[in-house]
Structure formats: C-alpha cells, structure tokens
Protein backbone atom coordinates (compact mmCIF):
# COMPACT_ATOMS: atom_id res chain seq x y z
CA MET A 1 32.13 -29.92 12.67
CA SER A 2 34.57 -30.88 15.46
CA ILE A 3 34.44 -34.59 16.45
CA GLU A 4 37.04 -35.76 18.93
CA ILE A 5 37.66 -39.36 19.35
CA ALA A 6 39.66 -41.26 21.96
CA ASN A 7 40.20 -44.95 21.90
CA GLU A 8 40.81 -46.18 25.61
CA SER A 9 39.30 -49.64 24.99
CA GLY A 10 42.26 -51.71 24.01
CA VAL A 11 40.47 -52.77 20.88
CA ALA A 12 41.82 -51.77 17.54
CA ILE A 13 39.10 -50.23 15.45
CA ASP A 14 38.71 -47.95 12.31
CA GLU A 15 38.40 -44.63 14.29
CA LYS A 16 38.09 -42.63 11.09
CA SER A 17 34.96 -44.66 10.04
CA VAL A 18 33.52 -44.10 13.50
CA VAL A 19 34.02 -40.35 13.13
CA ALA A 20 32.51 -40.55 9.57
CA ALA A 21 29.36 -42.15 10.87
CA ALA A 22 28.85 -39.47 13.36
CA ARG A 23 29.58 -36.73 10.88
CA TYR A 24 27.25 -38.29 8.53
CA ALA A 25 24.33 -38.49 10.97
CA LEU A 26 25.00 -35.02 12.22
CA ASP A 27 24.97 -33.63 8.63
CA GLN A 28 21.88 -35.53 7.49
CA MET A 29 20.13 -34.28 10.81
CA GLY A 30 20.88 -30.65 9.90
CA VAL A 31 23.14 -30.06 12.94
CA SER A 32 25.26 -26.90 12.67
CA PRO A 33 28.76 -27.58 11.26
CA LEU A 34 30.12 -25.47 14.24
CA ALA A 35 28.83 -28.16 16.58
CA GLU A 36 31.13 -30.25 18.76
CA LEU A 37 30.95 -33.77 19.70
CA SER A 38 33.27 -36.35 21.49
CA VAL A 39 33.35 -40.12 21.13
CA LEU A 40 35.11 -42.05 23.82
CA LEU A 41 35.74 -45.85 23.43
CA VAL A 42 36.22 -47.74 26.85
CA GLU A 43 36.77 -51.00 28.44
CA LEU A 44 34.09 -53.22 29.72
CA ASP A 45 34.82 -52.16 33.33
CA THR A 46 34.67 -48.46 32.61
CA MET A 47 31.47 -49.01 30.72
CA SER A 48 30.01 -50.94 33.69
CA ASP A 49 30.97 -48.21 36.08
CA LEU A 50 29.30 -45.61 33.90
CA HIS A 51 26.22 -47.62 33.41
CA GLU A 52 25.81 -48.31 37.07
CA ARG A 53 26.66 -44.57 38.02
CA TRP A 54 24.29 -42.95 35.51
CA MET A 55 21.65 -45.37 34.67
CA ASP A 56 21.58 -47.37 38.00
CA LEU A 57 21.85 -50.64 36.00
CA PRO A 58 24.34 -53.32 36.60
CA GLY A 59 27.04 -54.43 33.98
CA PRO A 60 28.22 -52.95 30.98
CA THR A 61 26.29 -51.66 27.85
CA ASP A 62 27.04 -50.98 24.32
CA VAL A 63 26.52 -47.08 24.05
CA MET A 64 25.74 -44.24 26.33
CA ALA A 65 25.10 -40.62 25.26
CA PHE A 66 25.76 -37.78 27.70
CA PRO A 67 24.17 -34.51 26.41
CA MET A 68 25.71 -31.20 27.39
CA ASP A 69 23.61 -29.54 30.07
CA GLU A 70 24.25 -26.21 28.50
CA LEU A 71 22.07 -27.06 25.49
CA ASP A 72 18.42 -25.39 25.36
CA SER A 73 16.26 -28.45 26.20
CA ALA A 74 13.39 -26.81 24.65
CA ARG A 75 15.01 -26.65 21.27
CA ARG A 76 16.77 -29.73 19.73
CA PRO A 77 20.25 -28.95 18.25
CA ASP A 78 19.07 -30.20 14.75
CA ALA A 79 16.39 -27.57 14.64
CA GLY A 80 16.75 -25.11 11.88
CA GLY A 81 18.93 -22.06 12.44
CA SER A 82 20.66 -23.39 15.51
CA GLY A 83 24.19 -21.99 16.00
CA PRO A 84 27.27 -23.58 17.68
CA ALA A 85 26.55 -26.14 20.26
CA LEU A 86 28.48 -28.58 22.30
CA LEU A 87 26.37 -31.57 21.64
CA GLY A 88 27.94 -33.84 24.33
CA ASP A 89 29.72 -37.16 24.54
CA ILE A 90 29.09 -40.59 23.17
CA VAL A 91 30.52 -43.58 24.89
CA LEU A 92 31.10 -46.91 23.12
CA CYS A 93 32.28 -50.25 24.35
CA PRO A 94 33.79 -52.03 21.48
CA GLU A 95 34.23 -55.32 23.41
CA PHE A 96 30.68 -55.53 24.19
CA ALA A 97 29.62 -54.37 20.76
CA ARG A 98 31.84 -57.27 19.45
CA ASP A 99 29.54 -59.79 21.09
CA GLN A 100 26.47 -58.12 19.69
CA ALA A 101 27.97 -57.88 16.16
CA LYS A 102 28.74 -61.58 16.25
CA LYS A 103 25.09 -62.41 17.27
CA ALA A 104 23.73 -60.10 14.54
CA GLY A 105 25.91 -61.61 11.93
CA HIS A 106 27.79 -58.35 10.91
CA SER A 107 31.14 -56.84 11.56
CA LEU A 108 32.33 -54.92 14.57
CA SER A 109 32.72 -51.94 12.30
CA HIS A 110 29.04 -52.16 11.29
CA GLU A 111 27.98 -52.36 14.82
CA LEU A 112 29.97 -49.36 15.95
CA HIS A 113 28.58 -47.38 13.15
CA LEU A 114 25.01 -48.35 14.40
CA LEU A 115 25.89 -47.49 18.02
CA THR A 116 27.43 -44.19 16.91
CA ILE A 117 24.29 -43.16 15.03
CA HIS A 118 22.15 -44.32 18.01
CA GLY A 119 24.34 -42.14 20.15
CA VAL A 120 24.06 -39.11 17.91
CA LEU A 121 20.22 -39.61 17.92
CA HIS A 122 20.30 -39.58 21.67
CA LEU A 123 22.27 -36.36 21.91
CA LEU A 124 19.74 -34.81 19.57
CA GLY A 125 16.88 -35.62 21.92
CA TYR A 126 15.47 -38.80 20.55
CA ASP A 127 14.62 -41.68 22.83
CA HIS A 128 13.01 -45.18 22.87
CA ALA A 129 11.35 -45.37 26.23
CA GLU A 130 7.91 -45.37 24.71
CA PRO A 131 6.80 -47.63 21.60
CA ALA A 132 6.03 -44.68 19.36
CA GLU A 133 9.47 -42.99 20.17
CA GLU A 134 11.17 -46.38 19.61
CA ARG A 135 9.61 -46.80 16.23
CA GLU A 136 10.47 -43.20 15.16
CA MET A 137 14.12 -43.40 16.54
CA PHE A 138 14.80 -46.92 15.19
CA ALA A 139 13.44 -46.25 11.70
CA LEU A 140 15.56 -43.17 11.57
CA GLN A 141 18.52 -44.82 12.79
CA ASN A 142 18.21 -47.66 10.39
CA ARG A 143 17.70 -45.17 7.31
CA LEU A 144 20.81 -43.28 8.47
CA LEU A 145 22.83 -46.18 8.92
CA ALA A 146 21.85 -47.86 5.54
CA GLU A 147 22.44 -44.60 3.73
CA PHE A 148 26.06 -44.12 5.49
CA GLN A 149 27.04 -47.68 4.74
CA HIS A 150 26.19 -47.27 1.18
CA GLU A 151 28.03 -43.95 0.91
CA PHE A 152 31.05 -45.23 2.83
CA THR A 153 31.33 -48.43 0.87
CA GLU A 154 31.15 -46.43 -2.43
CA ALA A 155 33.83 -43.95 -1.28
CA ARG A 156 36.15 -46.90 -0.44
CA ARG A 157 35.62 -48.51 -3.79
CA LEU A 158 36.30 -45.22 -5.51
CA ALA A 159 39.53 -44.91 -3.47
CA ARG A 160 40.53 -48.41 -4.28
CA GLN A 161 39.92 -47.74 -7.94
CA HIS A 162 41.70 -44.39 -7.92
CA SER A 163 44.71 -46.16 -6.34
CA ALA A 164 44.67 -48.91 -8.86
CA ASP A 165 44.41 -46.29 -11.71
CA SER A 166 47.31 -44.44 -10.37
CA ARG A 167 49.49 -47.48 -10.22
CA VAL A 168 48.65 -48.50 -13.78
CA LEU A 169 49.37 -44.80 -15.01
CA GLY A 170 52.57 -44.76 -13.05
CA ALA A 171 53.90 -48.01 -14.55
CA ALA A 172 53.06 -46.60 -18.04
CA GLY A 173 54.72 -43.31 -17.18
CA LEU A 174 51.62 -41.26 -17.44
CA ASP A 175 51.25 -39.94 -13.89
CA ASP A 176 52.40 -36.51 -12.80
CA GLY A 177 54.83 -37.82 -10.14
CA PRO A 178 54.49 -38.40 -6.49
CA GLY A 179 53.00 -34.92 -5.60
CA ALA A 180 50.14 -35.06 -8.36
CA GLU A 181 46.85 -34.30 -6.94
CA ALA A 182 43.88 -36.60 -7.52
CA PRO A 183 41.33 -35.35 -9.98
CA ASP A 184 38.14 -33.67 -8.48
CA HIS A 185 35.30 -35.89 -10.00
CA ARG A 186 32.84 -33.20 -9.48
CA SER A 187 34.28 -30.74 -11.82
CA GLY A 188 36.52 -33.13 -14.00
CA GLU A 189 39.51 -30.80 -13.30
CA PRO A 190 42.62 -32.18 -11.55
CA GLY A 191 42.73 -30.64 -8.02
CA SER A 192 39.94 -28.17 -8.37
C-alpha cells in the first residue's frame, strides 16, 4: 500500500504514526494492498481556503477528504476483490486539531490518528450527514481507533523492551555486534 505524506503545516508531528493509522484503517477495511493514498498536513490559512472552496463553509476545519474521481462510485474500494485504486487525498490541519485535542483531553497525536481514520472512512464512501450514517461511521471510526491505539502502543512497548534488552546484552558482551538482526518473534528465529 502506497501512502505518501507531506507536512506543510509548520507543526512537528510524528508522520510515521499518521501513516501507520491510515495503513491500519485501510488494512482493516480490506482495501487492496495496491491502493494509493496521500496525506497532506496544512496551515490554518490553507485549510480555510480549501474549506471555503470545496464545502462553501467559512474558516478552517480539522480534516477534509478528496476521493479520486476515477473510482467506480457504485463500488466502494473496500469491497472484496477490488484491485489497484487511487483512493484520494486526506488533508489535515494540525493547528486546528491541536485545539480540539486540548478540549478533548488527549494528545495531538491521538487527535491526528482519529482524523486520519475519519478521512480514510470518507474516502471509502462513509458519511455522517444522516443520523444512521453518523452512528455507523463513528462506531466504526471509534473501533478502528481503539484497536490501532492498542496495537501502536504495544508495538512501541516491544520496541523499547527490545532496545533495553539489546543494551543489557551488549554490556554483557552477549550481542552479535552492531549489524545483528532483531529476532523475529513470530517464529522465534533470529532474522527469519
């Protein structure tokens, strides 16, 4: 799956985690691994311009999704058997999201993960204009976000543990040197 990210917002963020959130949502929704997506992070003024131009609404917003016109609108890209697809673009505004995160009592990173998953769902045809659609989309969004946060946190914990283990083994002279591969915990074999 090709996910391009460009940060033109002037706000330092963990870009890899935003890509990971998008990839997780796309994987969970069964989108083809050949799909392409771009994520653009912009300043408040740029987001205001986009919001006014495309939604005819004043001021900035947190996230906008621009599905590609080339997709077959009668068939969602998460439908079984879909091939390569240009999904579209997700535009995020970290500065706007920072204020929302503060009000919600969580980190900017958490808010950007939520907005990325929200944008992915819009690209896949989900909407929240009607109450029933809103319930479906937000329930799915919340489930995907909770699952992603759990897996992301666990992966970071394991990476920290591996790093600590490597330092201890290195201090004891039991490591295989600087080029040693990390063991593959799925098979129990180093580097397999």
